Structures are given as C-alpha cells and as structure tokens.
Amino acid sequence: MDKPKRSTQADHQDGDACKLEMDACKKMKARVPELAEMIISQCSDHDCYTHIEYEPIPAEAFVSDLIDKFREIIFPGYFSRGKLDPANMKYSIGQSVSVLFDMLSEQITHHVRHDCLRYDLPCSECEHSGQAKALAVLESIPRIRKMLATDVQATFDGDPAAKSHDEIIFSYPGIYAIMVHRVAHRLFELSVPLLPRIMSEHAHSLTGIDIHPGATIGPRFVIDHGTGVVIGETAEIGTNVRIYQGVTLGALSLPKDAGEKYRGKKRHPTIEDDVIIYSGSTILGGDTVIGARSVIGGNVWLTESVPPDTTVMTEHPRLIYKSAGNYAKGDAS
C-alpha cells in the first residue's frame, strides 16, 4: 500500500501564494460597487449622452429583424422561413405583411415619440402617425420591388460572373445595400426620425457600403463589389448608373460650424444617366454634375462638373520593375 506523500515546504509556499492571490482578487472585486456608483452618478451629467427614459429607444436587433421581414416580402420565396408555393402564397405573404405592419408601426411610433419627448416637440399623435406611415411604406412595396428588379437585371446584364438572377439576389452585397436603401429612403421621405439611418448603418456594417437614406437613386443602379462605397445624403443618381468599389460621392470639406449652416443644403454630387464610375474614384461637391454617358476612370479625384459623353482618366503612371537587383522604369501602358 502506497504511503501518503508528505507535504513539502514548496507545497505550503504554493498554497500561501494562492491565498494571497485570492485575497487580492477579493479586494479588487470589492471595488466594483464603488465604481458602479461613480458610473451611475455620471449619468446625470449633461455633458454626457445617455438615454434613460421610460419610452425605449429602438435597438439595432429590432432593425435587423425588420429588414429581414422586408427582404422576405420584397423577394417572395427567397428568404421565407418556410416553404412558399402557389397553394399557400396568399396566406403566407398576407401573414408576413401583417407582421411587418405591426413591427414597422411600432418602431416608427417609438422613434417619433422619442423625438417628441427628448426635444419637447408638439404632440404629433405618435401611435396614429406610426401606423399611417407604416401603411404608406407598405403601399410603396410594389414600386420598390419593381425598382429592385431593374437593379438585379442591370447587375446581371453587366456582370459575366453572375450565373443567374437568383445568385445575385442571394449573395450580392450591392443588391442587399440597395434594397435596404430603397426602403430606408421611403422612410426618410416620410420624415421618420432615426430609423432610416439605423437601417442604412446596419447594411453598411454588413456590406461595407455606406448609403445615406436621403440619397436619391434611380432604377438600374449597380454597385459592383461595393466595399468602401460612400454615397452622401444629397447625392442624386440617375438611371442605369454603375459604380465600383471604393467610390465616394461626398461633400467638400466644411468648416467646424457647418452643421446648422449646411444642414439640408445640396452638398453631394449629381450623377446623370448611364454613367460608369470605376474603383477608387472620389467625386465631391453639391455643384458637381457628372454628365450623362460619361466614364470616370479609377482613382480620379473630381470637384468640378464633367459634360456629357466625357471620359475622365488619370495619366498613365510610371511603374518601377525590379529584376535581379536592378530597377527598370516603364510606363504602365
């Protein structure tokens, strides 16, 4: 029978070290209530931003569910949770529309009431307003669906890599971002606060495509690849426009006090029909107009208008080729 091992001095030292460590951890943990009180007391500081009200402010999780429900109805059968067939279509879509109305009217009501209470605005009958605006958005779905159909077709027409319309609807980030924008833009037109911007930022976080809900975008709009695209609030985009990754339709640099002075003014460019803008290009300014059928090459910087039927490109760069320890310069062409 094995004899029990005797504890050694090293074992005692290890045990003492553990106790000391536990005591130190307890002391640190004991400070948490004190720090919590400090954090809580700062919530009444007017220099900090908090939202501690009885009326909840909508969370992004609710917005994600709302977008999913719009997607389910705008593209029937593609994103439905259950099987959708001719026999159950009327019931299934009818149920989805009813659920969407409840979700949307509730969210709009929260947003409208939030602004009323937070900024002490005159009563706007929040719940009635929420339901009326939700109905107005639902009435727009057939038009939005037709616009998105042109976007899908234009994407297919211009992309040899696309094997089908289904592939584009399921997997192209540009279509997702445009779909969210077309819904958010309608909410923006109806003067719904906060919600359209939260929707656009949700799409931005998923796709890398940042479209302000105020931007006006015509049919057959294509965002190819899309990562890094930025489209500002007052941008106007015509029919059959295609832009590539990294394109910015932005505002010129504004002074520090520009918020109130320029709010609601035209600050972003106008892109006319049938324009192509290649990757990395930046077009700035509310007075900048890119004329119809023009082509803007990659990495172009524009702050002035371009007449119709114009191609704008940078000069061919000079590249340096390194071979066997020697450098050879040459034109990129």
Protein backbone atom coordinates (compact mmCIF):
# COMPACT_ATOMS: atom_id res chain seq x y z
CA MET A 1 0.00 0.00 0.00
CA ASP A 2 1.40 3.38 -1.00
CA LYS A 3 2.14 5.75 1.82
CA PRO A 4 0.58 9.21 1.59
CA LYS A 5 3.01 11.79 0.34
CA ARG A 6 4.18 14.30 2.89
CA SER A 7 3.56 17.93 2.08
CA THR A 8 6.71 19.80 1.40
CA GLN A 9 7.75 23.37 2.10
CA ALA A 10 7.20 24.13 -1.60
CA ASP A 11 3.58 22.91 -1.34
CA HIS A 12 2.98 25.24 1.62
CA GLN A 13 4.51 28.11 -0.30
CA ASP A 14 2.23 27.40 -3.30
CA GLY A 15 -0.81 27.31 -1.04
CA ASP A 16 0.14 30.59 0.61
CA ALA A 17 0.63 32.19 -2.82
CA CYS A 18 -2.86 31.06 -3.87
CA LYS A 19 -4.42 32.53 -0.73
CA LEU A 20 -2.62 35.81 -1.26
CA GLU A 21 -3.79 35.92 -4.88
CA MET A 22 -7.40 35.18 -3.85
CA ASP A 23 -7.29 37.90 -1.21
CA ALA A 24 -6.01 40.39 -3.77
CA CYS A 25 -8.80 39.40 -6.22
CA LYS A 26 -11.43 39.81 -3.50
CA LYS A 27 -10.18 43.31 -2.74
CA MET A 28 -10.35 44.27 -6.42
CA LYS A 29 -13.84 42.77 -6.79
CA ALA A 30 -14.97 44.71 -3.70
CA ARG A 31 -14.25 47.95 -5.57
CA VAL A 32 -16.82 47.16 -8.31
CA PRO A 33 -19.89 48.57 -6.42
CA GLU A 34 -17.97 51.79 -5.76
CA LEU A 35 -17.06 52.12 -9.44
CA ALA A 36 -20.64 51.30 -10.47
CA GLU A 37 -21.90 54.16 -8.26
CA MET A 38 -19.39 56.51 -9.88
CA ILE A 39 -20.56 55.48 -13.38
CA ILE A 40 -24.23 55.78 -12.39
CA SER A 41 -23.76 59.24 -10.86
CA GLN A 42 -22.23 60.48 -14.13
CA CYS A 43 -25.45 59.57 -15.99
CA SER A 44 -26.95 62.85 -14.79
CA ASP A 45 -24.05 64.83 -16.26
CA HIS A 46 -25.45 66.92 -19.13
CA ASP A 47 -22.10 66.79 -20.92
CA CYS A 48 -22.53 63.02 -21.44
CA TYR A 49 -25.01 61.31 -23.77
CA THR A 50 -27.46 58.93 -22.14
CA HIS A 51 -30.93 57.68 -22.91
CA ILE A 52 -32.60 56.73 -19.63
CA GLU A 53 -36.30 57.16 -20.30
CA TYR A 54 -39.50 55.19 -19.80
CA GLU A 55 -40.01 55.23 -23.56
CA PRO A 56 -37.49 52.79 -25.10
CA ILE A 57 -35.17 53.80 -27.89
CA PRO A 58 -35.13 51.20 -30.69
CA ALA A 59 -32.18 48.82 -30.80
CA GLU A 60 -30.31 47.54 -33.84
CA ALA A 61 -31.55 44.00 -33.12
CA PHE A 62 -35.12 45.10 -33.86
CA VAL A 63 -33.97 46.87 -37.01
CA SER A 64 -32.23 43.70 -38.24
CA ASP A 65 -35.49 41.73 -37.81
CA LEU A 66 -37.38 44.50 -39.61
CA ILE A 67 -35.02 44.42 -42.61
CA ASP A 68 -35.27 40.62 -42.77
CA LYS A 69 -39.07 40.88 -42.92
CA PHE A 70 -38.91 43.48 -45.70
CA ARG A 71 -36.50 41.24 -47.60
CA GLU A 72 -38.85 38.29 -47.20
CA ILE A 73 -41.76 40.25 -48.71
CA ILE A 74 -39.85 42.10 -51.43
CA PHE A 75 -38.29 38.87 -52.73
CA PRO A 76 -41.04 36.28 -52.03
CA GLY A 77 -39.79 32.72 -51.70
CA TYR A 78 -36.10 33.65 -51.48
CA PHE A 79 -35.86 34.41 -47.79
CA SER A 80 -39.03 32.85 -46.38
CA ARG A 81 -38.51 30.71 -43.29
CA GLY A 82 -40.93 28.09 -44.56
CA LYS A 83 -41.89 26.70 -47.94
CA LEU A 84 -43.73 29.15 -50.17
CA ASP A 85 -45.80 27.66 -53.00
CA PRO A 86 -48.86 28.66 -55.08
CA ALA A 87 -51.19 26.93 -52.61
CA ASN A 88 -50.07 28.82 -49.51
CA MET A 89 -48.75 32.02 -51.08
CA LYS A 90 -51.79 34.17 -50.31
CA TYR A 91 -51.91 33.12 -46.66
CA SER A 92 -48.14 33.18 -46.12
CA ILE A 93 -47.46 36.58 -47.68
CA GLY A 94 -50.62 38.02 -46.11
CA GLN A 95 -49.39 36.90 -42.70
CA SER A 96 -45.92 38.34 -43.35
CA VAL A 97 -47.37 41.70 -44.43
CA SER A 98 -49.49 41.81 -41.26
CA VAL A 99 -46.47 41.05 -39.08
CA LEU A 100 -44.40 43.66 -40.93
CA PHE A 101 -47.09 46.29 -40.38
CA ASP A 102 -47.09 45.63 -36.64
CA MET A 103 -43.28 45.66 -36.45
CA LEU A 104 -42.90 48.77 -38.57
CA SER A 105 -45.68 50.83 -36.97
CA GLU A 106 -44.30 50.01 -33.51
CA GLN A 107 -40.77 51.04 -34.46
CA ILE A 108 -41.91 54.26 -36.16
CA THR A 109 -44.04 55.09 -33.10
CA HIS A 110 -41.04 54.61 -30.81
CA HIS A 111 -38.87 56.84 -32.98
CA VAL A 112 -41.46 59.61 -33.31
CA ARG A 113 -42.27 59.52 -29.59
CA HIS A 114 -38.59 59.52 -28.74
CA ASP A 115 -38.08 62.79 -30.60
CA CYS A 116 -41.27 64.31 -29.15
CA LEU A 117 -40.20 63.63 -25.57
CA ARG A 118 -36.48 64.22 -25.92
CA TYR A 119 -36.79 67.53 -27.75
CA ASP A 120 -40.08 68.70 -26.19
CA LEU A 121 -41.86 68.85 -29.55
CA PRO A 122 -45.60 69.47 -30.01
CA CYS A 123 -47.68 66.31 -29.77
CA SER A 124 -47.81 64.52 -33.13
CA GLU A 125 -50.16 61.68 -32.11
CA CYS A 126 -47.27 59.23 -32.19
CA GLU A 127 -49.17 55.97 -32.46
CA HIS A 128 -51.50 57.25 -35.19
CA SER A 129 -48.50 58.68 -37.04
CA GLY A 130 -46.64 55.38 -36.71
CA GLN A 131 -49.48 53.39 -38.23
CA ALA A 132 -50.17 55.91 -41.01
CA LYS A 133 -46.50 56.00 -42.04
CA ALA A 134 -46.23 52.22 -41.86
CA LEU A 135 -49.19 51.96 -44.26
CA ALA A 136 -47.54 54.46 -46.60
CA VAL A 137 -44.37 52.32 -46.68
CA LEU A 138 -46.36 49.13 -47.36
CA GLU A 139 -48.13 50.92 -50.22
CA SER A 140 -44.69 51.63 -51.69
CA ILE A 141 -43.54 47.99 -51.71
CA PRO A 142 -44.76 47.19 -55.26
CA ARG A 143 -42.86 50.23 -56.59
CA ILE A 144 -39.76 49.37 -54.55
CA ARG A 145 -39.93 45.77 -55.77
CA LYS A 146 -40.06 46.90 -59.41
CA MET A 147 -37.10 49.24 -58.88
CA LEU A 148 -35.10 46.43 -57.30
CA ALA A 149 -35.99 44.15 -60.22
CA THR A 150 -34.31 46.67 -62.54
CA ASP A 151 -31.26 46.73 -60.24
CA VAL A 152 -31.00 42.93 -60.33
CA GLN A 153 -31.38 42.84 -64.13
CA ALA A 154 -28.78 45.59 -64.64
CA THR A 155 -26.37 43.71 -62.38
CA PHE A 156 -26.89 40.52 -64.39
CA ASP A 157 -26.55 42.34 -67.72
CA GLY A 158 -23.20 43.84 -66.75
CA ASP A 159 -21.53 41.00 -64.83
CA PRO A 160 -20.31 37.94 -66.75
CA ALA A 161 -19.53 36.27 -63.41
CA ALA A 162 -23.23 36.21 -62.47
CA LYS A 163 -24.68 32.82 -63.34
CA SER A 164 -28.30 33.68 -62.52
CA HIS A 165 -30.62 36.29 -61.07
CA ASP A 166 -31.00 34.01 -58.04
CA GLU A 167 -27.27 34.20 -57.35
CA ILE A 168 -27.43 37.99 -57.41
CA ILE A 169 -30.44 38.20 -55.06
CA PHE A 170 -28.98 35.71 -52.60
CA SER A 171 -25.35 36.74 -52.49
CA TYR A 172 -24.51 40.16 -53.97
CA PRO A 173 -23.83 42.75 -51.24
CA GLY A 174 -24.71 45.58 -53.63
CA ILE A 175 -28.27 44.30 -54.01
CA TYR A 176 -28.65 43.95 -50.25
CA ALA A 177 -27.42 47.51 -49.67
CA ILE A 178 -29.65 48.92 -52.43
CA MET A 179 -32.68 47.02 -51.10
CA VAL A 180 -32.18 48.46 -47.62
CA HIS A 181 -31.61 51.91 -49.09
CA ARG A 182 -34.80 51.91 -51.15
CA VAL A 183 -36.86 51.09 -48.04
CA ALA A 184 -34.90 53.49 -45.81
CA HIS A 185 -35.25 56.26 -48.40
CA ARG A 186 -39.03 55.90 -48.32
CA LEU A 187 -38.97 56.24 -44.53
CA PHE A 188 -36.68 59.26 -44.94
CA GLU A 189 -39.20 60.83 -47.35
CA LEU A 190 -41.90 60.32 -44.69
CA SER A 191 -39.75 62.21 -42.14
CA VAL A 192 -39.38 59.20 -39.84
CA PRO A 193 -36.56 60.09 -37.42
CA LEU A 194 -33.59 57.82 -36.65
CA LEU A 195 -34.97 54.57 -38.10
CA PRO A 196 -33.85 55.03 -41.75
CA ARG A 197 -30.33 55.96 -40.65
CA ILE A 198 -30.08 52.97 -38.32
CA MET A 199 -31.22 50.73 -41.19
CA SER A 200 -28.61 52.14 -43.57
CA GLU A 201 -25.86 51.75 -40.97
CA HIS A 202 -26.89 48.14 -40.40
CA ALA A 203 -26.46 47.48 -44.12
CA HIS A 204 -23.17 49.38 -44.01
CA SER A 205 -21.88 47.14 -41.22
CA LEU A 206 -22.69 44.01 -43.23
CA THR A 207 -21.60 45.08 -46.71
CA GLY A 208 -19.10 47.93 -46.33
CA ILE A 209 -21.44 50.06 -48.49
CA ASP A 210 -22.47 53.35 -46.86
CA ILE A 211 -25.53 54.94 -48.48
CA HIS A 212 -27.26 57.77 -46.64
CA PRO A 213 -31.05 57.22 -46.73
CA GLY A 214 -31.51 60.73 -48.10
CA ALA A 215 -29.68 59.96 -51.37
CA THR A 216 -31.93 59.82 -54.44
CA ILE A 217 -31.15 56.83 -56.69
CA GLY A 218 -32.84 55.95 -59.98
CA PRO A 219 -33.57 52.49 -61.46
CA ARG A 220 -30.99 50.05 -62.87
CA PHE A 221 -28.43 51.04 -60.24
CA VAL A 222 -25.45 48.71 -59.85
CA ILE A 223 -22.81 48.63 -57.13
CA ASP A 224 -20.14 46.17 -58.30
CA HIS A 225 -18.26 44.52 -55.40
CA GLY A 226 -19.08 47.54 -53.28
CA THR A 227 -16.68 47.55 -50.34
CA GLY A 228 -15.81 51.12 -49.37
CA VAL A 229 -18.56 52.83 -51.39
CA VAL A 230 -19.84 56.06 -49.78
CA ILE A 231 -22.90 57.93 -51.08
CA GLY A 232 -23.85 61.12 -49.23
CA GLU A 233 -27.23 62.43 -48.15
CA THR A 234 -27.91 64.87 -51.01
CA ALA A 235 -26.38 62.82 -53.82
CA GLU A 236 -28.62 62.39 -56.87
CA ILE A 237 -28.06 59.38 -59.13
CA GLY A 238 -29.88 58.90 -62.43
CA THR A 239 -30.90 55.80 -64.38
CA ASN A 240 -28.54 52.97 -65.35
CA VAL A 241 -25.55 54.10 -63.29
CA ARG A 242 -22.79 51.63 -62.34
CA ILE A 243 -20.19 52.26 -59.66
CA TYR A 244 -17.37 50.08 -58.40
CA GLN A 245 -15.73 49.51 -55.02
CA GLY A 246 -14.15 52.40 -53.18
CA VAL A 247 -16.16 55.14 -54.92
CA THR A 248 -17.07 58.20 -52.84
CA LEU A 249 -19.85 60.62 -53.74
CA GLY A 250 -19.16 63.07 -50.95
CA ALA A 251 -19.15 66.65 -49.74
CA LEU A 252 -16.30 69.13 -49.87
CA SER A 253 -14.54 69.89 -46.60
CA LEU A 254 -16.77 72.05 -44.43
CA PRO A 255 -15.96 74.43 -41.54
CA LYS A 256 -16.40 73.30 -37.94
CA ASP A 257 -19.70 75.15 -37.52
CA ALA A 258 -21.13 73.71 -40.75
CA GLY A 259 -23.80 71.55 -39.09
CA GLU A 260 -26.61 74.08 -38.90
CA LYS A 261 -25.46 76.25 -41.80
CA TYR A 262 -25.37 73.45 -44.39
CA ARG A 263 -27.92 71.02 -42.98
CA GLY A 264 -30.44 70.19 -45.72
CA LYS A 265 -28.43 72.01 -48.42
CA LYS A 266 -27.10 70.26 -51.55
CA ARG A 267 -23.60 69.10 -50.61
CA HIS A 268 -23.09 65.98 -52.71
CA PRO A 269 -22.73 65.48 -56.48
CA THR A 270 -25.30 64.69 -59.14
CA ILE A 271 -24.65 61.69 -61.40
CA GLU A 272 -26.70 61.71 -64.59
CA ASP A 273 -27.95 58.71 -66.59
CA ASP A 274 -25.73 55.92 -67.97
CA VAL A 275 -22.59 56.95 -66.08
CA ILE A 276 -19.86 54.46 -65.05
CA ILE A 277 -17.54 55.30 -62.14
CA TYR A 278 -14.59 52.96 -61.66
CA SER A 279 -12.98 51.90 -58.39
CA GLY A 280 -11.31 54.33 -56.04
CA SER A 281 -12.74 57.50 -57.59
CA THR A 282 -13.83 60.43 -55.43
CA ILE A 283 -16.40 62.98 -56.62
CA LEU A 284 -17.16 65.84 -54.26
CA GLY A 285 -19.42 68.87 -54.01
CA GLY A 286 -23.06 69.77 -54.37
CA ASP A 287 -22.43 71.76 -57.56
CA THR A 288 -20.56 68.90 -59.24
CA VAL A 289 -22.52 67.22 -62.04
CA ILE A 290 -21.26 64.21 -63.98
CA GLY A 291 -22.93 64.42 -67.37
CA ALA A 292 -24.86 61.58 -68.96
CA ARG A 293 -22.96 58.66 -70.55
CA SER A 294 -19.65 59.78 -69.05
CA VAL A 295 -16.99 57.37 -67.77
CA ILE A 296 -14.91 58.23 -64.71
CA GLY A 297 -11.74 56.13 -64.55
CA GLY A 298 -10.22 54.58 -61.46
CA ASN A 299 -8.67 56.74 -58.72
CA VAL A 300 -9.90 60.00 -60.24
CA TRP A 301 -10.45 62.99 -57.92
CA LEU A 302 -13.15 65.41 -59.12
CA THR A 303 -14.52 68.58 -57.58
CA GLU A 304 -15.90 70.13 -60.77
CA SER A 305 -18.55 69.18 -63.30
CA VAL A 306 -17.98 66.98 -66.35
CA PRO A 307 -20.02 67.46 -69.56
CA PRO A 308 -21.98 64.56 -71.07
CA ASP A 309 -20.16 61.89 -73.10
CA THR A 310 -16.81 62.58 -71.42
CA THR A 311 -14.16 60.12 -70.26
CA VAL A 312 -12.00 61.25 -67.34
CA MET A 313 -8.83 59.33 -66.52
CA THR A 314 -5.59 59.88 -64.66
CA GLU A 315 -2.34 59.89 -66.59
CA HIS A 316 -0.64 56.55 -67.04
CA PRO A 317 1.63 56.06 -64.03
CA ARG A 318 5.28 55.16 -64.39
CA LEU A 319 5.95 51.79 -62.80
CA ILE A 320 9.25 50.53 -61.46
CA TYR A 321 10.16 46.90 -62.26
CA LYS A 322 12.75 45.23 -60.07
CA SER A 323 14.71 42.38 -61.58
CA ALA A 324 17.98 40.78 -60.41
CA GLY A 325 18.86 43.70 -58.21
CA ASN A 326 18.26 46.30 -60.90
CA TYR A 327 15.39 48.74 -61.31
CA ALA A 328 13.83 49.41 -64.68
CA LYS A 329 11.29 52.21 -65.11
CA GLY A 330 8.46 51.97 -67.56
CA ASP A 331 5.08 53.36 -68.49
CA ALA A 332 2.10 51.45 -67.07
CA SER A 333 0.72 51.10 -70.57
